[in-house]
Amino acid sequence: IIHAGVGKVSFGAEKLQDNLLALITKLIQLKPSSSKGIYLRSIGISSTMGPGVKVDPLQVRALIK
């Protein structure tokens, strides 16, 4: 489980997306070689006190490539 800030309210949607994709890309790069199977099983995004929104990891992976 990883909790990380990716932006502020003042950021535009494109900037938030870029920051989130950079975080996920780095997490994938840091995957240990001994790790087998699916590395990112689920992704959820939320504001500090807002409800979480589930994101499909396969769609995020398609954006990264």
PDB file of N, CA and C in Angstrom:
ATOM      1  N   ILE A   1       0.854  -1.173   0.000  1.00  0.00           N
ATOM      2  CA  ILE A   1       0.000   0.000   0.000  1.00  0.00           C
ATOM      3  C   ILE A   1       0.892   1.226   0.000  1.00  0.00           C
ATOM      4  N   ILE A   2       0.598   2.137  -0.914  1.00  0.00           N
ATOM      5  CA  ILE A   2       1.379   3.362  -1.026  1.00  0.00           C
ATOM      6  C   ILE A   2       0.429   4.549  -0.996  1.00  0.00           C
ATOM      7  N   HIS A   3       0.731   5.510  -0.147  1.00  0.00           N
ATOM      8  CA  HIS A   3      -0.028   6.763  -0.079  1.00  0.00           C
ATOM      9  C   HIS A   3       0.924   7.863  -0.524  1.00  0.00           C
ATOM     10  N   ALA A   4       0.540   8.605  -1.545  1.00  0.00           N
ATOM     11  CA  ALA A   4       1.415   9.663  -2.053  1.00  0.00           C
ATOM     12  C   ALA A   4       0.586  10.809  -2.604  1.00  0.00           C
ATOM     13  N   GLY A   5       1.028  12.012  -2.365  1.00  0.00           N
ATOM     14  CA  GLY A   5       0.389  13.183  -2.945  1.00  0.00           C
ATOM     15  C   GLY A   5       0.865  13.368  -4.377  1.00  0.00           C
ATOM     16  N   VAL A   6      -0.053  13.682  -5.274  1.00  0.00           N
ATOM     17  CA  VAL A   6       0.333  13.870  -6.674  1.00  0.00           C
ATOM     18  C   VAL A   6      -0.027  15.262  -7.190  1.00  0.00           C
ATOM     19  N   GLY A   7      -0.604  16.101  -6.356  1.00  0.00           N
ATOM     20  CA  GLY A   7      -0.924  17.440  -6.834  1.00  0.00           C
ATOM     21  C   GLY A   7      -1.735  18.233  -5.833  1.00  0.00           C
ATOM     22  N   LYS A   8      -2.143  19.418  -6.286  1.00  0.00           N
ATOM     23  CA  LYS A   8      -2.947  20.327  -5.484  1.00  0.00           C
ATOM     24  C   LYS A   8      -4.212  20.668  -6.255  1.00  0.00           C
ATOM     25  N   VAL A   9      -5.141  21.291  -5.580  1.00  0.00           N
ATOM     26  CA  VAL A   9      -6.404  21.694  -6.201  1.00  0.00           C
ATOM     27  C   VAL A   9      -6.144  22.645  -7.366  1.00  0.00           C
ATOM     28  N   SER A  10      -5.118  23.452  -7.261  1.00  0.00           N
ATOM     29  CA  SER A  10      -4.834  24.446  -8.295  1.00  0.00           C
ATOM     30  C   SER A  10      -4.271  23.838  -9.578  1.00  0.00           C
ATOM     31  N   PHE A  11      -3.846  22.581  -9.546  1.00  0.00           N
ATOM     32  CA  PHE A  11      -3.309  21.925 -10.729  1.00  0.00           C
ATOM     33  C   PHE A  11      -4.441  21.617 -11.700  1.00  0.00           C
ATOM     34  N   GLY A  12      -4.145  21.662 -12.971  1.00  0.00           N
ATOM     35  CA  GLY A  12      -5.116  21.272 -13.990  1.00  0.00           C
ATOM     36  C   GLY A  12      -5.176  19.753 -14.107  1.00  0.00           C
ATOM     37  N   ALA A  13      -6.165  19.269 -14.825  1.00  0.00           N
ATOM     38  CA  ALA A  13      -6.351  17.825 -14.984  1.00  0.00           C
ATOM     39  C   ALA A  13      -5.156  17.176 -15.676  1.00  0.00           C
ATOM     40  N   GLU A  14      -4.585  17.854 -16.670  1.00  0.00           N
ATOM     41  CA  GLU A  14      -3.448  17.292 -17.397  1.00  0.00           C
ATOM     42  C   GLU A  14      -2.223  17.163 -16.492  1.00  0.00           C
ATOM     43  N   LYS A  15      -1.980  18.161 -15.669  1.00  0.00           N
ATOM     44  CA  LYS A  15      -0.835  18.133 -14.748  1.00  0.00           C
ATOM     45  C   LYS A  15      -0.997  17.024 -13.710  1.00  0.00           C
ATOM     46  N   LEU A  16      -2.214  16.851 -13.191  1.00  0.00           N
ATOM     47  CA  LEU A  16      -2.467  15.771 -12.238  1.00  0.00           C
ATOM     48  C   LEU A  16      -2.251  14.404 -12.891  1.00  0.00           C
ATOM     49  N   GLN A  17      -2.715  14.259 -14.128  1.00  0.00           N
ATOM     50  CA  GLN A  17      -2.529  12.998 -14.841  1.00  0.00           C
ATOM     51  C   GLN A  17      -1.043  12.721 -15.068  1.00  0.00           C
ATOM     52  N   ASP A  18      -0.289  13.737 -15.471  1.00  0.00           N
ATOM     53  CA  ASP A  18       1.150  13.567 -15.684  1.00  0.00           C
ATOM     54  C   ASP A  18       1.848  13.134 -14.401  1.00  0.00           C
ATOM     55  N   ASN A  19       1.490  13.766 -13.279  1.00  0.00           N
ATOM     56  CA  ASN A  19       2.109  13.420 -11.999  1.00  0.00           C
ATOM     57  C   ASN A  19       1.758  11.995 -11.578  1.00  0.00           C
ATOM     58  N   LEU A  20       0.511  11.600 -11.762  1.00  0.00           N
ATOM     59  CA  LEU A  20       0.080  10.258 -11.392  1.00  0.00           C
ATOM     60  C   LEU A  20       0.770   9.209 -12.259  1.00  0.00           C
ATOM     61  N   LEU A  21       0.863   9.466 -13.563  1.00  0.00           N
ATOM     62  CA  LEU A  21       1.541   8.521 -14.449  1.00  0.00           C
ATOM     63  C   LEU A  21       3.028   8.421 -14.122  1.00  0.00           C
ATOM     64  N   ALA A  22       3.646   9.529 -13.725  1.00  0.00           N
ATOM     65  CA  ALA A  22       5.061   9.498 -13.332  1.00  0.00           C
ATOM     66  C   ALA A  22       5.248   8.643 -12.079  1.00  0.00           C
ATOM     67  N   LEU A  23       4.342   8.765 -11.116  1.00  0.00           N
ATOM     68  CA  LEU A  23       4.422   7.962  -9.897  1.00  0.00           C
ATOM     69  C   LEU A  23       4.266   6.481 -10.216  1.00  0.00           C
ATOM     70  N   ILE A  24       3.281   6.129 -11.017  1.00  0.00           N
ATOM     71  CA  ILE A  24       3.039   4.722 -11.336  1.00  0.00           C
ATOM     72  C   ILE A  24       4.184   4.154 -12.165  1.00  0.00           C
ATOM     73  N   THR A  25       4.724   4.941 -13.084  1.00  0.00           N
ATOM     74  CA  THR A  25       5.871   4.499 -13.877  1.00  0.00           C
ATOM     75  C   THR A  25       7.057   4.178 -12.975  1.00  0.00           C
ATOM     76  N   LYS A  26       7.310   5.034 -12.013  1.00  0.00           N
ATOM     77  CA  LYS A  26       8.434   4.807 -11.092  1.00  0.00           C
ATOM     78  C   LYS A  26       8.199   3.567 -10.243  1.00  0.00           C
ATOM     79  N   LEU A  27       6.961   3.351  -9.790  1.00  0.00           N
ATOM     80  CA  LEU A  27       6.656   2.157  -9.007  1.00  0.00           C
ATOM     81  C   LEU A  27       6.895   0.894  -9.824  1.00  0.00           C
ATOM     82  N   ILE A  28       6.525   0.921 -11.089  1.00  0.00           N
ATOM     83  CA  ILE A  28       6.744  -0.239 -11.954  1.00  0.00           C
ATOM     84  C   ILE A  28       8.236  -0.465 -12.171  1.00  0.00           C
ATOM     85  N   GLN A  29       9.004   0.614 -12.325  1.00  0.00           N
ATOM     86  CA  GLN A  29      10.455   0.490 -12.503  1.00  0.00           C
ATOM     87  C   GLN A  29      11.127  -0.087 -11.264  1.00  0.00           C
ATOM     88  N   LEU A  30      10.590   0.208 -10.082  1.00  0.00           N
ATOM     89  CA  LEU A  30      11.188  -0.254  -8.827  1.00  0.00           C
ATOM     90  C   LEU A  30      10.736  -1.656  -8.422  1.00  0.00           C
ATOM     91  N   LYS A  31       9.941  -2.308  -9.261  1.00  0.00           N
ATOM     92  CA  LYS A  31       9.458  -3.660  -8.965  1.00  0.00           C
ATOM     93  C   LYS A  31      10.654  -4.593  -8.799  1.00  0.00           C
ATOM     94  N   PRO A  32      10.705  -5.326  -7.689  1.00  0.00           N
ATOM     95  CA  PRO A  32      11.808  -6.272  -7.496  1.00  0.00           C
ATOM     96  C   PRO A  32      11.755  -7.385  -8.544  1.00  0.00           C
ATOM     97  N   SER A  33      12.921  -7.809  -9.003  1.00  0.00           N
ATOM     98  CA  SER A  33      12.963  -8.863 -10.021  1.00  0.00           C
ATOM     99  C   SER A  33      12.430 -10.190  -9.485  1.00  0.00           C
ATOM    100  N   SER A  34      12.444 -10.366  -8.172  1.00  0.00           N
ATOM    101  CA  SER A  34      11.945 -11.608  -7.580  1.00  0.00           C
ATOM    102  C   SER A  34      10.418 -11.629  -7.456  1.00  0.00           C
ATOM    103  N   SER A  35       9.780 -10.503  -7.708  1.00  0.00           N
ATOM    104  CA  SER A  35       8.327 -10.415  -7.608  1.00  0.00           C
ATOM    105  C   SER A  35       7.678 -11.095  -8.808  1.00  0.00           C
ATOM    106  N   LYS A  36       6.785 -12.039  -8.542  1.00  0.00           N
ATOM    107  CA  LYS A  36       6.103 -12.778  -9.604  1.00  0.00           C
ATOM    108  C   LYS A  36       4.653 -12.328  -9.695  1.00  0.00           C
ATOM    109  N   GLY A  37       4.041 -12.513 -10.848  1.00  0.00           N
ATOM    110  CA  GLY A  37       2.623 -12.243 -11.015  1.00  0.00           C
ATOM    111  C   GLY A  37       2.313 -10.771 -11.199  1.00  0.00           C
ATOM    112  N   ILE A  38       1.081 -10.411 -10.889  1.00  0.00           N
ATOM    113  CA  ILE A  38       0.593  -9.045 -11.061  1.00  0.00           C
ATOM    114  C   ILE A  38       1.166  -8.158  -9.962  1.00  0.00           C
ATOM    115  N   TYR A  39       1.825  -7.073 -10.355  1.00  0.00           N
ATOM    116  CA  TYR A  39       2.454  -6.187  -9.376  1.00  0.00           C
ATOM    117  C   TYR A  39       1.482  -5.122  -8.882  1.00  0.00           C
ATOM    118  N   LEU A  40       0.765  -4.460  -9.781  1.00  0.00           N
ATOM    119  CA  LEU A  40      -0.240  -3.474  -9.388  1.00  0.00           C
ATOM    120  C   LEU A  40      -1.610  -4.128  -9.507  1.00  0.00           C
ATOM    121  N   ARG A  41      -2.183  -4.505  -8.393  1.00  0.00           N
ATOM    122  CA  ARG A  41      -3.477  -5.191  -8.412  1.00  0.00           C
ATOM    123  C   ARG A  41      -4.647  -4.225  -8.475  1.00  0.00           C
ATOM    124  N   SER A  42      -4.516  -3.086  -7.803  1.00  0.00           N
ATOM    125  CA  SER A  42      -5.592  -2.096  -7.832  1.00  0.00           C
ATOM    126  C   SER A  42      -5.010  -0.709  -7.597  1.00  0.00           C
ATOM    127  N   ILE A  43      -5.729   0.278  -8.106  1.00  0.00           N
ATOM    128  CA  ILE A  43      -5.329   1.672  -7.936  1.00  0.00           C
ATOM    129  C   ILE A  43      -6.572   2.453  -7.526  1.00  0.00           C
ATOM    130  N   GLY A  44      -6.431   3.242  -6.489  1.00  0.00           N
ATOM    131  CA  GLY A  44      -7.516   4.110  -6.041  1.00  0.00           C
ATOM    132  C   GLY A  44      -6.997   5.522  -5.877  1.00  0.00           C
ATOM    133  N   ILE A  45      -7.811   6.486  -6.269  1.00  0.00           N
ATOM    134  CA  ILE A  45      -7.428   7.898  -6.186  1.00  0.00           C
ATOM    135  C   ILE A  45      -8.504   8.630  -5.395  1.00  0.00           C
ATOM    136  N   SER A  46      -8.064   9.549  -4.524  1.00  0.00           N
ATOM    137  CA  SER A  46      -9.036  10.355  -3.780  1.00  0.00           C
ATOM    138  C   SER A  46      -8.397  11.672  -3.377  1.00  0.00           C
ATOM    139  N   SER A  47      -9.248  12.631  -3.090  1.00  0.00           N
ATOM    140  CA  SER A  47      -8.753  13.866  -2.488  1.00  0.00           C
ATOM    141  C   SER A  47      -8.536  13.576  -1.005  1.00  0.00           C
ATOM    142  N   THR A  48      -8.037  14.534  -0.274  1.00  0.00           N
ATOM    143  CA  THR A  48      -7.696  14.293   1.126  1.00  0.00           C
ATOM    144  C   THR A  48      -8.866  13.751   1.940  1.00  0.00           C
ATOM    145  N   MET A  49     -10.014  14.361   1.833  1.00  0.00           N
ATOM    146  CA  MET A  49     -11.162  13.922   2.613  1.00  0.00           C
ATOM    147  C   MET A  49     -12.304  13.410   1.732  1.00  0.00           C
ATOM    148  N   GLY A  50     -12.045  13.214   0.462  1.00  0.00           N
ATOM    149  CA  GLY A  50     -13.093  12.796  -0.466  1.00  0.00           C
ATOM    150  C   GLY A  50     -13.160  11.292  -0.622  1.00  0.00           C
ATOM    151  N   PRO A  51     -14.198  10.827  -1.282  1.00  0.00           N
ATOM    152  CA  PRO A  51     -14.332   9.391  -1.535  1.00  0.00           C
ATOM    153  C   PRO A  51     -13.313   8.930  -2.569  1.00  0.00           C
ATOM    154  N   GLY A  52     -12.914   7.682  -2.471  1.00  0.00           N
ATOM    155  CA  GLY A  52     -11.955   7.115  -3.407  1.00  0.00           C
ATOM    156  C   GLY A  52     -12.627   6.678  -4.697  1.00  0.00           C
ATOM    157  N   VAL A  53     -11.857   6.713  -5.776  1.00  0.00           N
ATOM    158  CA  VAL A  53     -12.322   6.267  -7.081  1.00  0.00           C
ATOM    159  C   VAL A  53     -11.371   5.182  -7.553  1.00  0.00           C
ATOM    160  N   LYS A  54     -11.906   4.035  -7.917  1.00  0.00           N
ATOM    161  CA  LYS A  54     -11.069   2.945  -8.417  1.00  0.00           C
ATOM    162  C   LYS A  54     -10.689   3.222  -9.868  1.00  0.00           C
ATOM    163  N   VAL A  55      -9.442   2.892 -10.205  1.00  0.00           N
ATOM    164  CA  VAL A  55      -8.914   3.063 -11.555  1.00  0.00           C
ATOM    165  C   VAL A  55      -8.444   1.699 -12.039  1.00  0.00           C
ATOM    166  N   ASP A  56      -8.730   1.384 -13.287  1.00  0.00           N
ATOM    167  CA  ASP A  56      -8.323   0.101 -13.859  1.00  0.00           C
ATOM    168  C   ASP A  56      -6.821   0.125 -14.148  1.00  0.00           C
ATOM    169  N   PRO A  57      -6.034  -0.740 -13.500  1.00  0.00           N
ATOM    170  CA  PRO A  57      -4.582  -0.744 -13.720  1.00  0.00           C
ATOM    171  C   PRO A  57      -4.196  -1.054 -15.163  1.00  0.00           C
ATOM    172  N   LEU A  58      -4.996  -1.825 -15.878  1.00  0.00           N
ATOM    173  CA  LEU A  58      -4.674  -2.144 -17.273  1.00  0.00           C
ATOM    174  C   LEU A  58      -4.787  -0.906 -18.156  1.00  0.00           C
ATOM    175  N   GLN A  59      -5.754  -0.036 -17.890  1.00  0.00           N
ATOM    176  CA  GLN A  59      -5.881   1.192 -18.664  1.00  0.00           C
ATOM    177  C   GLN A  59      -4.727   2.139 -18.358  1.00  0.00           C
ATOM    178  N   VAL A  60      -4.291   2.182 -17.119  1.00  0.00           N
ATOM    179  CA  VAL A  60      -3.149   3.030 -16.752  1.00  0.00           C
ATOM    180  C   VAL A  60      -1.893   2.513 -17.428  1.00  0.00           C
ATOM    181  N   ARG A  61      -1.707   1.215 -17.440  1.00  0.00           N
ATOM    182  CA  ARG A  61      -0.532   0.629 -18.084  1.00  0.00           C
ATOM    183  C   ARG A  61      -0.514   0.950 -19.577  1.00  0.00           C
ATOM    184  N   ALA A  62      -1.703   0.984 -20.215  1.00  0.00           N
ATOM    185  CA  ALA A  62      -1.785   1.338 -21.638  1.00  0.00           C
ATOM    186  C   ALA A  62      -1.374   2.789 -21.853  1.00  0.00           C
ATOM    187  N   LEU A  63      -1.678   3.684 -20.911  1.00  0.00           N
ATOM    188  CA  LEU A  63      -1.269   5.086 -21.031  1.00  0.00           C
ATOM    189  C   LEU A  63       0.233   5.256 -20.892  1.00  0.00           C
ATOM    190  N   ILE A  64       0.853   4.408 -20.093  1.00  0.00           N
ATOM    191  CA  ILE A  64       2.282   4.517 -19.838  1.00  0.00           C
ATOM    192  C   ILE A  64       3.082   4.097 -21.067  1.00  0.00           C
ATOM    193  N   LYS A  65       2.649   3.066 -21.755  1.00  0.00           N
ATOM    194  CA  LYS A  65       3.411   2.545 -22.907  1.00  0.00           C
ATOM    195  C   LYS A  65       3.259   3.367 -24.121  1.00  0.00           C
TER     196      LYS A  65
END
